[in-house]
Amino acid sequence: MRRFIPALIISIMISAHAETLVLEDTGWQPAQEALSDVQLSLAEICRLAENQNQDGLSEKLEEFEAANPDLSGKAWDAFAEAEMIYAERDVEEAAEKFYEVLDNYPMSEFYQPALEGLYQCGKLYLSGRKKTFLMVFKLKAYDEGEEIMRSIADRAGNAPIAKRAFYTLAESYEKREEYIEAYNIWVEIATRWPTGEEGLKSLYEMGKNMHQAYNGPKYDSSSLKSAEGYYGQFKKRYPEEAELRDIREKIQLTQEQQAYKEYRIAMHYYRVEDYQTAMVYLESFQENWPDSQYAGEVEKVAAECRKELEKLKDKPRIRPVDKNIFWRFAHFFDFDVK
């Protein structure tokens, strides 16, 4: 029968006393429940493997097997081998061995420690660990890290290690500036844990990642609208936390960035003398962003466009593109009026 070990338990000797700490989402915390000798020993095995203490790990494995003959067998052999391989940092082979424990011995005492060992393998991959491909090339194996974390999340359900797997995956994407991918992970987290601390964190991170996904006024601005929406939900749902995180200012920033995007488009058409199209964007700007810092400039340009359109009323309309197509094409890629 499998005994569950909460998160990762590490027995740490402090001075002359031993204190057992549990890795929670908020960091290392004192264990709330008394742990069995088996659980403490397995935690120590995990710690030694993580620290690459191969000699100490080998001794501890022998000690554990001698003290727990009833747990010996194929499950123990696979787990012990996986920890030794992981201590050597052969991450690829260690992950395969941890998978063997999880797939073949799901009710064993070693299921939870193996799940933790697999998590550590995935974390290494997501931090940039390289893997050999075609027996020659060493490339960063982020995809393997994602596959491992998703496997853990699928196996663990709503357990804390599933949450840690998702968090680690999202943070890896953020560090690599893959913000849309990070956003998608936070959507999954919000779906699985819609309330509590997880619901708060995921909603904020969805807004933040969509905001960071915006690459500037020359690119699509739909992520800004999404960010504004998520920040608005956060402000409504968690007003006190919104004050601490300056959500009001973040909303204003997304709005100003959207306004500037529309302003630049309008100015592009104004510069190429397409006054009718320019007026479409100028009027949209005035309707949507009346408080923008560019509102005064937009009003002046709109007045100039109206004058030019009045002049063209009684004249046959010749589009500027017919007069100088190359000049117009060049300006299409340069909206900046500064």
Protein backbone atom coordinates (compact mmCIF):
# COMPACT_ATOMS: atom_id res chain seq x y z
CA MET A 1 0.00 0.00 0.00
CA ARG A 2 1.35 3.40 -0.97
CA ARG A 3 1.97 5.94 1.79
CA PHE A 4 1.79 9.50 0.51
CA ILE A 5 4.65 11.83 1.30
CA PRO A 6 3.45 15.46 1.24
CA ALA A 7 5.37 17.37 -1.41
CA LEU A 8 9.09 16.77 -0.87
CA ILE A 9 10.16 16.12 2.68
CA ILE A 10 13.73 16.79 3.58
CA SER A 11 15.20 15.95 6.96
CA ILE A 12 17.67 18.65 7.87
CA MET A 13 19.92 18.57 10.90
CA ILE A 14 19.99 21.90 12.66
CA SER A 15 22.47 22.15 15.46
CA ALA A 16 21.84 19.16 17.75
CA HIS A 17 18.21 18.88 16.76
CA ALA A 18 16.55 17.41 13.67
CA GLU A 19 13.80 19.44 12.06
CA THR A 20 11.70 18.03 9.23
CA LEU A 21 10.77 20.55 6.58
CA VAL A 22 8.17 20.19 3.85
CA LEU A 23 8.48 21.97 0.50
CA GLU A 24 5.24 23.90 0.12
CA ASP A 25 4.30 26.49 -2.52
CA THR A 26 5.39 29.22 -0.11
CA GLY A 27 8.79 27.62 0.54
CA TRP A 28 10.16 25.26 3.18
CA GLN A 29 7.78 24.87 6.10
CA PRO A 30 7.90 22.67 9.24
CA ALA A 31 6.02 19.41 8.74
CA GLN A 32 2.60 19.47 10.40
CA GLU A 33 2.40 15.73 10.97
CA ALA A 34 4.79 13.18 12.43
CA LEU A 35 6.45 11.23 9.65
CA SER A 36 7.35 7.55 9.68
CA ASP A 37 10.93 6.32 9.62
CA VAL A 38 10.35 5.10 6.07
CA GLN A 39 9.18 8.53 4.92
CA LEU A 40 12.13 10.24 6.58
CA SER A 41 14.56 7.79 5.03
CA LEU A 42 13.09 8.27 1.56
CA ALA A 43 13.30 12.04 2.02
CA GLU A 44 16.96 11.69 2.94
CA ILE A 45 17.55 9.57 -0.17
CA CYS A 46 15.99 12.30 -2.32
CA ARG A 47 18.15 14.95 -0.64
CA LEU A 48 21.38 13.02 -1.17
CA ALA A 49 20.55 12.42 -4.84
CA GLU A 50 19.70 16.09 -5.34
CA ASN A 51 23.03 17.09 -3.78
CA GLN A 52 24.89 14.56 -5.96
CA ASN A 53 26.32 12.89 -2.85
CA GLN A 54 26.86 9.52 -4.49
CA ASP A 55 28.80 7.91 -1.64
CA GLY A 56 26.31 9.03 0.98
CA LEU A 57 23.42 7.96 -1.23
CA SER A 58 24.90 4.49 -1.78
CA GLU A 59 25.27 4.01 1.98
CA LYS A 60 21.74 5.26 2.64
CA LEU A 61 20.25 2.94 0.03
CA GLU A 62 21.99 -0.06 1.60
CA GLU A 63 20.87 1.04 5.05
CA PHE A 64 17.27 1.44 3.89
CA GLU A 65 17.17 -1.96 2.23
CA ALA A 66 18.57 -3.66 5.34
CA ALA A 67 16.09 -1.87 7.63
CA ASN A 68 13.05 -2.50 5.40
CA PRO A 69 13.27 -6.02 3.93
CA ASP A 70 9.51 -6.06 3.45
CA LEU A 71 9.84 -3.24 0.88
CA SER A 72 12.53 -4.90 -1.21
CA GLY A 73 11.64 -6.09 -4.68
CA LYS A 74 11.39 -4.80 -8.23
CA ALA A 75 9.83 -1.46 -7.25
CA TRP A 76 12.62 -0.76 -4.77
CA ASP A 77 15.30 -1.84 -7.23
CA ALA A 78 13.96 0.48 -9.94
CA PHE A 79 13.64 3.41 -7.53
CA ALA A 80 17.10 2.93 -6.03
CA GLU A 81 18.64 2.70 -9.48
CA ALA A 82 16.81 5.85 -10.60
CA GLU A 83 18.13 7.83 -7.63
CA MET A 84 21.71 6.68 -8.21
CA ILE A 85 21.49 7.60 -11.89
CA TYR A 86 19.99 10.98 -11.01
CA ALA A 87 22.81 11.63 -8.52
CA GLU A 88 25.20 11.15 -11.44
CA ARG A 89 23.07 13.68 -13.36
CA ASP A 90 22.29 11.36 -16.24
CA VAL A 91 18.93 13.09 -16.42
CA GLU A 92 17.60 11.29 -19.48
CA GLU A 93 18.18 7.78 -18.11
CA ALA A 94 17.06 8.79 -14.61
CA ALA A 95 13.76 10.11 -15.99
CA GLU A 96 13.18 6.81 -17.78
CA LYS A 97 13.75 4.91 -14.53
CA PHE A 98 11.43 7.18 -12.56
CA TYR A 99 8.79 6.62 -15.26
CA GLU A 100 9.31 2.86 -14.79
CA VAL A 101 8.45 3.17 -11.09
CA LEU A 102 5.41 5.33 -11.79
CA ASP A 103 4.06 3.19 -14.61
CA ASN A 104 4.73 -0.27 -13.18
CA TYR A 105 4.39 0.23 -9.42
CA PRO A 106 1.71 2.90 -8.86
CA MET A 107 0.74 1.56 -5.43
CA SER A 108 4.26 1.16 -4.09
CA GLU A 109 5.89 3.10 -1.27
CA PHE A 110 8.18 4.69 -3.84
CA TYR A 111 5.56 6.28 -6.10
CA GLN A 112 5.64 9.74 -4.47
CA PRO A 113 9.46 9.95 -4.20
CA ALA A 114 9.72 8.83 -7.82
CA LEU A 115 7.26 11.54 -8.82
CA GLU A 116 9.45 14.06 -7.02
CA GLY A 117 12.56 12.68 -8.73
CA LEU A 118 10.87 13.02 -12.11
CA TYR A 119 9.94 16.62 -11.24
CA GLN A 120 13.59 17.41 -10.54
CA CYS A 121 14.54 15.97 -13.93
CA GLY A 122 11.94 18.13 -15.66
CA LYS A 123 13.11 21.18 -13.76
CA LEU A 124 16.67 20.65 -14.97
CA TYR A 125 15.51 20.41 -18.58
CA LEU A 126 13.45 23.58 -18.23
CA SER A 127 16.43 25.42 -16.78
CA GLY A 128 18.40 24.74 -19.96
CA ARG A 129 19.80 21.24 -19.47
CA LYS A 130 21.05 19.85 -22.77
CA LYS A 131 20.26 16.48 -24.28
CA THR A 132 22.18 14.56 -26.94
CA PHE A 133 20.38 14.16 -30.25
CA LEU A 134 21.53 11.80 -33.02
CA MET A 135 24.44 10.82 -30.75
CA VAL A 136 26.25 14.02 -31.75
CA PHE A 137 24.34 17.24 -31.14
CA LYS A 138 23.69 18.62 -27.67
CA LEU A 139 20.63 20.84 -27.60
CA LYS A 140 18.56 22.36 -24.84
CA ALA A 141 15.69 20.00 -24.14
CA TYR A 142 12.87 22.31 -23.13
CA ASP A 143 10.31 20.08 -24.85
CA GLU A 144 11.33 17.14 -22.66
CA GLY A 145 10.91 19.34 -19.59
CA GLU A 146 7.41 20.34 -20.66
CA GLU A 147 6.48 16.72 -21.36
CA ILE A 148 7.66 15.69 -17.90
CA MET A 149 5.79 18.49 -16.12
CA ARG A 150 2.58 17.71 -17.98
CA SER A 151 2.94 14.03 -17.15
CA ILE A 152 3.31 14.92 -13.46
CA ALA A 153 0.27 17.22 -13.57
CA ASP A 154 -1.81 14.50 -15.22
CA ARG A 155 -0.75 11.88 -12.69
CA ALA A 156 -1.00 14.03 -9.57
CA GLY A 157 -4.40 15.66 -10.15
CA ASN A 158 -4.79 18.54 -7.70
CA ALA A 159 -1.88 17.53 -5.46
CA PRO A 160 0.72 20.20 -4.60
CA ILE A 161 3.32 18.67 -6.91
CA ALA A 162 0.95 19.11 -9.87
CA LYS A 163 0.70 22.78 -9.02
CA ARG A 164 4.48 23.07 -8.72
CA ALA A 165 4.89 21.39 -12.12
CA PHE A 166 2.59 23.94 -13.76
CA TYR A 167 4.24 26.87 -11.95
CA THR A 168 7.72 25.73 -12.98
CA LEU A 169 6.62 25.32 -16.59
CA ALA A 170 5.01 28.77 -16.72
CA GLU A 171 8.06 30.41 -15.14
CA SER A 172 10.33 28.70 -17.67
CA TYR A 173 8.32 30.13 -20.55
CA GLU A 174 8.45 33.59 -18.98
CA LYS A 175 12.23 33.45 -18.58
CA ARG A 176 12.49 32.58 -22.28
CA GLU A 177 10.09 35.46 -23.09
CA GLU A 178 7.54 33.07 -24.57
CA TYR A 179 4.68 34.94 -22.98
CA ILE A 180 1.76 33.48 -24.94
CA GLU A 181 2.87 29.96 -23.98
CA ALA A 182 3.21 31.07 -20.35
CA TYR A 183 -0.27 32.60 -20.54
CA ASN A 184 -1.71 29.30 -21.80
CA ILE A 185 -0.22 27.49 -18.80
CA TRP A 186 -1.78 30.00 -16.41
CA VAL A 187 -5.13 29.43 -18.12
CA GLU A 188 -4.77 25.72 -17.33
CA ILE A 189 -3.90 26.54 -13.73
CA ALA A 190 -6.93 28.82 -13.44
CA THR A 191 -9.14 26.06 -14.83
CA ARG A 192 -7.85 23.50 -12.34
CA TRP A 193 -7.64 25.84 -9.32
CA PRO A 194 -10.13 28.67 -9.99
CA THR A 195 -10.33 29.94 -6.40
CA GLY A 196 -8.08 30.69 -3.46
CA GLU A 197 -4.47 31.78 -3.78
CA GLU A 198 -4.12 29.89 -7.05
CA GLY A 199 -7.10 31.69 -8.59
CA LEU A 200 -5.67 35.07 -7.57
CA LYS A 201 -2.19 34.30 -8.85
CA SER A 202 -3.31 32.81 -12.16
CA LEU A 203 -5.62 35.73 -12.99
CA TYR A 204 -2.85 38.23 -12.33
CA GLU A 205 -0.31 36.23 -14.31
CA MET A 206 -2.67 35.91 -17.27
CA GLY A 207 -2.96 39.69 -17.42
CA LYS A 208 0.77 40.19 -16.93
CA ASN A 209 1.78 37.71 -19.63
CA MET A 210 -0.66 39.09 -22.18
CA HIS A 211 0.71 42.55 -21.44
CA GLN A 212 4.29 41.36 -21.86
CA ALA A 213 3.36 39.62 -25.13
CA TYR A 214 2.79 43.02 -26.77
CA ASN A 215 5.82 43.79 -28.96
CA GLY A 216 5.16 47.44 -29.72
CA PRO A 217 2.99 49.65 -31.95
CA LYS A 218 4.21 48.07 -35.19
CA TYR A 219 2.65 44.76 -34.15
CA ASP A 220 -0.78 43.39 -33.34
CA SER A 221 -2.26 44.94 -30.21
CA SER A 222 -4.92 42.36 -29.37
CA SER A 223 -2.89 41.14 -26.39
CA LEU A 224 -3.20 44.62 -24.86
CA LYS A 225 -6.98 44.39 -24.94
CA SER A 226 -6.80 40.97 -23.30
CA ALA A 227 -4.41 42.26 -20.63
CA GLU A 228 -6.72 45.17 -19.88
CA GLY A 229 -9.62 42.73 -19.48
CA TYR A 230 -7.75 40.44 -17.09
CA TYR A 231 -6.46 43.36 -15.04
CA GLY A 232 -10.03 44.67 -14.86
CA GLN A 233 -11.29 41.32 -13.58
CA PHE A 234 -8.50 41.22 -11.04
CA LYS A 235 -9.34 44.73 -9.80
CA LYS A 236 -12.99 43.80 -9.40
CA ARG A 237 -12.39 40.42 -7.77
CA TYR A 238 -9.45 41.32 -5.52
CA PRO A 239 -9.66 45.09 -4.82
CA GLU A 240 -7.21 45.11 -1.90
CA GLU A 241 -4.62 43.05 -3.74
CA ALA A 242 -5.15 45.24 -6.81
CA GLU A 243 -4.07 48.27 -4.80
CA LEU A 244 -0.88 46.51 -3.74
CA ARG A 245 -0.07 45.49 -7.31
CA ASP A 246 -0.85 48.90 -8.91
CA ILE A 247 -3.50 47.36 -11.16
CA ARG A 248 -5.13 50.73 -11.87
CA GLU A 249 -1.85 52.04 -13.28
CA LYS A 250 -1.36 48.88 -15.33
CA ILE A 251 -4.83 49.27 -16.86
CA GLN A 252 -4.07 52.89 -17.72
CA LEU A 253 -0.81 51.84 -19.36
CA THR A 254 -2.52 49.24 -21.56
CA GLN A 255 -5.07 51.85 -22.59
CA GLU A 256 -2.41 54.41 -23.44
CA GLN A 257 -0.50 51.84 -25.47
CA GLN A 258 -3.65 51.00 -27.43
CA ALA A 259 -4.26 54.69 -27.98
CA TYR A 260 -0.74 55.23 -29.26
CA LYS A 261 -1.12 52.30 -31.66
CA GLU A 262 -4.24 53.87 -33.19
CA TYR A 263 -2.60 57.29 -33.21
CA ARG A 264 0.34 56.01 -35.24
CA ILE A 265 -1.93 54.33 -37.78
CA ALA A 266 -3.91 57.54 -38.21
CA MET A 267 -0.71 59.55 -38.64
CA HIS A 268 0.53 57.12 -41.27
CA TYR A 269 -2.52 57.72 -43.44
CA TYR A 270 -2.29 61.45 -42.81
CA ARG A 271 1.33 61.50 -43.99
CA VAL A 272 0.49 59.65 -47.22
CA GLU A 273 -2.42 62.08 -47.80
CA ASP A 274 -5.12 59.44 -47.48
CA TYR A 275 -7.23 61.84 -45.42
CA GLN A 276 -10.45 59.85 -45.56
CA THR A 277 -8.86 56.73 -44.04
CA ALA A 278 -6.96 58.89 -41.58
CA MET A 279 -10.26 60.36 -40.39
CA VAL A 280 -11.64 56.88 -39.70
CA TYR A 281 -8.81 56.23 -37.24
CA LEU A 282 -8.78 59.75 -35.83
CA GLU A 283 -12.49 59.63 -35.05
CA SER A 284 -12.11 56.15 -33.55
CA PHE A 285 -9.28 57.51 -31.40
CA GLN A 286 -11.39 60.43 -30.20
CA GLU A 287 -14.24 58.09 -29.31
CA ASN A 288 -12.15 55.48 -27.52
CA TRP A 289 -9.27 57.46 -25.97
CA PRO A 290 -10.47 61.00 -25.18
CA ASP A 291 -8.14 61.26 -22.15
CA SER A 292 -4.98 60.12 -23.92
CA GLN A 293 -1.89 62.31 -23.94
CA TYR A 294 -2.17 62.33 -27.73
CA ALA A 295 -5.74 63.67 -27.74
CA GLY A 296 -4.64 67.27 -28.41
CA GLU A 297 -2.45 66.30 -31.36
CA VAL A 298 -5.22 64.10 -32.77
CA GLU A 299 -7.65 67.03 -32.64
CA LYS A 300 -5.23 69.21 -34.62
CA VAL A 301 -4.62 66.54 -37.25
CA ALA A 302 -8.35 65.82 -37.54
CA ALA A 303 -8.97 69.52 -38.23
CA GLU A 304 -6.31 69.48 -40.95
CA CYS A 305 -7.85 66.37 -42.50
CA ARG A 306 -11.28 68.01 -42.61
CA LYS A 307 -9.81 71.02 -44.41
CA GLU A 308 -8.11 68.81 -46.97
CA LEU A 309 -11.26 66.79 -47.52
CA GLU A 310 -13.22 69.98 -48.10
CA LYS A 311 -10.75 70.99 -50.81
CA LEU A 312 -11.18 67.63 -52.51
CA LYS A 313 -14.98 67.70 -52.60
CA ASP A 314 -15.25 69.30 -56.03
CA LYS A 315 -12.19 67.65 -57.51
CA PRO A 316 -11.83 64.19 -59.07
CA ARG A 317 -10.31 61.96 -56.46
CA ILE A 318 -6.80 60.74 -57.27
CA ARG A 319 -5.36 58.47 -54.65
CA PRO A 320 -1.82 59.33 -53.55
CA VAL A 321 -0.73 55.81 -54.41
CA ASP A 322 -1.38 56.65 -58.11
CA LYS A 323 1.00 59.59 -57.88
CA ASN A 324 3.92 57.92 -56.16
CA ILE A 325 3.46 54.27 -55.27
CA PHE A 326 7.03 53.76 -54.11
CA TRP A 327 6.93 56.68 -51.68
CA ARG A 328 3.66 55.40 -50.22
CA PHE A 329 4.98 51.84 -49.88
CA ALA A 330 8.08 53.02 -48.06
CA HIS A 331 6.07 55.00 -45.54
CA PHE A 332 3.84 52.00 -44.80
CA PHE A 333 6.67 50.55 -42.72
CA ASP A 334 7.47 53.78 -40.88
CA PHE A 335 4.57 55.13 -38.85
CA ASP A 336 6.67 57.25 -36.53
CA VAL A 337 6.01 60.95 -36.83
CA LYS A 338 8.58 62.02 -34.29
